[in-house]
């Protein structure tokens, strides 16, 4: 069965951080290196792609009993 999740367009995380003056410092301390997943040791490099900063569409899902709500990209 297919479950459709209604999407909501929100301000991207990158845009919200930029407006609050937090983006520049975040990018300095969370460098993206796609080769990091194949190395061990440098914990200052983000392990996952940072494309989630650009995400502007979110959906809300519920999991469990009682249901707990989560926003997903």
C-alpha atoms as a PDB file:
ATOM      1  CA  UNK A   1       0.000   0.000   0.000  1.00  0.00           C
ATOM      2  CA  UNK A   2       1.107   3.558  -0.662  1.00  0.00           C
ATOM      3  CA  UNK A   3       0.916   6.204   2.020  1.00  0.00           C
ATOM      4  CA  UNK A   4       1.025   9.796   0.853  1.00  0.00           C
ATOM      5  CA  UNK A   5       2.615  12.349   3.149  1.00  0.00           C
ATOM      6  CA  UNK A   6       1.486  15.935   2.553  1.00  0.00           C
ATOM      7  CA  UNK A   7       4.489  18.206   2.056  1.00  0.00           C
ATOM      8  CA  UNK A   8       4.932  21.644   3.566  1.00  0.00           C
ATOM      9  CA  UNK A   9       7.261  24.245   2.093  1.00  0.00           C
ATOM     10  CA  UNK A  10       9.283  25.970   4.769  1.00  0.00           C
ATOM     11  CA  UNK A  11      12.311  28.205   4.802  1.00  0.00           C
ATOM     12  CA  UNK A  12      15.456  26.130   4.244  1.00  0.00           C
ATOM     13  CA  UNK A  13      17.738  25.507   7.219  1.00  0.00           C
ATOM     14  CA  UNK A  14      20.519  27.301   5.344  1.00  0.00           C
ATOM     15  CA  UNK A  15      18.337  30.406   4.847  1.00  0.00           C
ATOM     16  CA  UNK A  16      17.181  30.447   8.490  1.00  0.00           C
ATOM     17  CA  UNK A  17      20.781  30.142   9.740  1.00  0.00           C
ATOM     18  CA  UNK A  18      21.913  32.880   7.345  1.00  0.00           C
ATOM     19  CA  UNK A  19      19.203  35.257   8.586  1.00  0.00           C
ATOM     20  CA  UNK A  20      20.298  34.663  12.198  1.00  0.00           C
ATOM     21  CA  UNK A  21      23.979  35.130  11.343  1.00  0.00           C
ATOM     22  CA  UNK A  22      24.860  31.514  12.209  1.00  0.00           C
ATOM     23  CA  UNK A  23      25.621  30.039   8.795  1.00  0.00           C
ATOM     24  CA  UNK A  24      29.203  31.231   8.337  1.00  0.00           C
ATOM     25  CA  UNK A  25      30.382  29.818  11.679  1.00  0.00           C
ATOM     26  CA  UNK A  26      28.494  26.549  11.107  1.00  0.00           C
ATOM     27  CA  UNK A  27      30.146  26.027   7.721  1.00  0.00           C
ATOM     28  CA  UNK A  28      33.574  26.726   9.209  1.00  0.00           C
ATOM     29  CA  UNK A  29      33.149  24.029  11.851  1.00  0.00           C
ATOM     30  CA  UNK A  30      31.216  21.478   9.745  1.00  0.00           C
ATOM     31  CA  UNK A  31      33.228  20.999   6.576  1.00  0.00           C
ATOM     32  CA  UNK A  32      31.774  18.612   4.037  1.00  0.00           C
ATOM     33  CA  UNK A  33      34.195  16.046   2.662  1.00  0.00           C
ATOM     34  CA  UNK A  34      32.594  13.236   0.618  1.00  0.00           C
ATOM     35  CA  UNK A  35      35.689  11.053   1.114  1.00  0.00           C
ATOM     36  CA  UNK A  36      35.245  11.190   4.910  1.00  0.00           C
ATOM     37  CA  UNK A  37      33.072   8.092   4.956  1.00  0.00           C
ATOM     38  CA  UNK A  38      36.131   6.127   3.849  1.00  0.00           C
ATOM     39  CA  UNK A  39      38.493   7.532   6.513  1.00  0.00           C
ATOM     40  CA  UNK A  40      38.640   7.319  10.280  1.00  0.00           C
ATOM     41  CA  UNK A  41      39.760   9.971  12.705  1.00  0.00           C
ATOM     42  CA  UNK A  42      38.898  13.536  11.684  1.00  0.00           C
ATOM     43  CA  UNK A  43      35.729  14.228  13.669  1.00  0.00           C
ATOM     44  CA  UNK A  44      35.582  17.867  12.541  1.00  0.00           C
ATOM     45  CA  UNK A  45      34.277  16.835   9.113  1.00  0.00           C
ATOM     46  CA  UNK A  46      30.549  16.218   8.641  1.00  0.00           C
ATOM     47  CA  UNK A  47      29.903  12.578   7.822  1.00  0.00           C
ATOM     48  CA  UNK A  48      26.837  13.093   5.670  1.00  0.00           C
ATOM     49  CA  UNK A  49      26.211  15.345   2.683  1.00  0.00           C
ATOM     50  CA  UNK A  50      25.045  18.780   3.734  1.00  0.00           C
ATOM     51  CA  UNK A  51      22.275  18.967   1.136  1.00  0.00           C
ATOM     52  CA  UNK A  52      19.744  18.833   3.986  1.00  0.00           C
ATOM     53  CA  UNK A  53      20.606  22.495   4.619  1.00  0.00           C
ATOM     54  CA  UNK A  54      18.895  23.278   1.309  1.00  0.00           C
ATOM     55  CA  UNK A  55      15.785  21.202   2.013  1.00  0.00           C
ATOM     56  CA  UNK A  56      12.666  23.306   1.912  1.00  0.00           C
ATOM     57  CA  UNK A  57       9.999  20.597   1.833  1.00  0.00           C
ATOM     58  CA  UNK A  58       9.068  18.631   4.928  1.00  0.00           C
ATOM     59  CA  UNK A  59       6.423  16.093   5.800  1.00  0.00           C
ATOM     60  CA  UNK A  60       5.078  15.087   9.191  1.00  0.00           C
ATOM     61  CA  UNK A  61       4.795  11.402  10.064  1.00  0.00           C
ATOM     62  CA  UNK A  62       3.668   9.580  13.206  1.00  0.00           C
ATOM     63  CA  UNK A  63       5.398   6.485  14.557  1.00  0.00           C
ATOM     64  CA  UNK A  64       4.485   4.219  17.447  1.00  0.00           C
ATOM     65  CA  UNK A  65       1.735   3.816  20.012  1.00  0.00           C
ATOM     66  CA  UNK A  66       1.032   6.350  21.307  1.00  0.00           C
ATOM     67  CA  UNK A  67       2.024   8.166  18.120  1.00  0.00           C
ATOM     68  CA  UNK A  68       5.054  10.434  18.171  1.00  0.00           C
ATOM     69  CA  UNK A  69       5.270  13.024  15.402  1.00  0.00           C
ATOM     70  CA  UNK A  70       8.431  13.599  13.354  1.00  0.00           C
ATOM     71  CA  UNK A  71       9.289  16.014  10.569  1.00  0.00           C
ATOM     72  CA  UNK A  72      11.088  14.313   7.690  1.00  0.00           C
ATOM     73  CA  UNK A  73      12.919  15.868   4.744  1.00  0.00           C
END
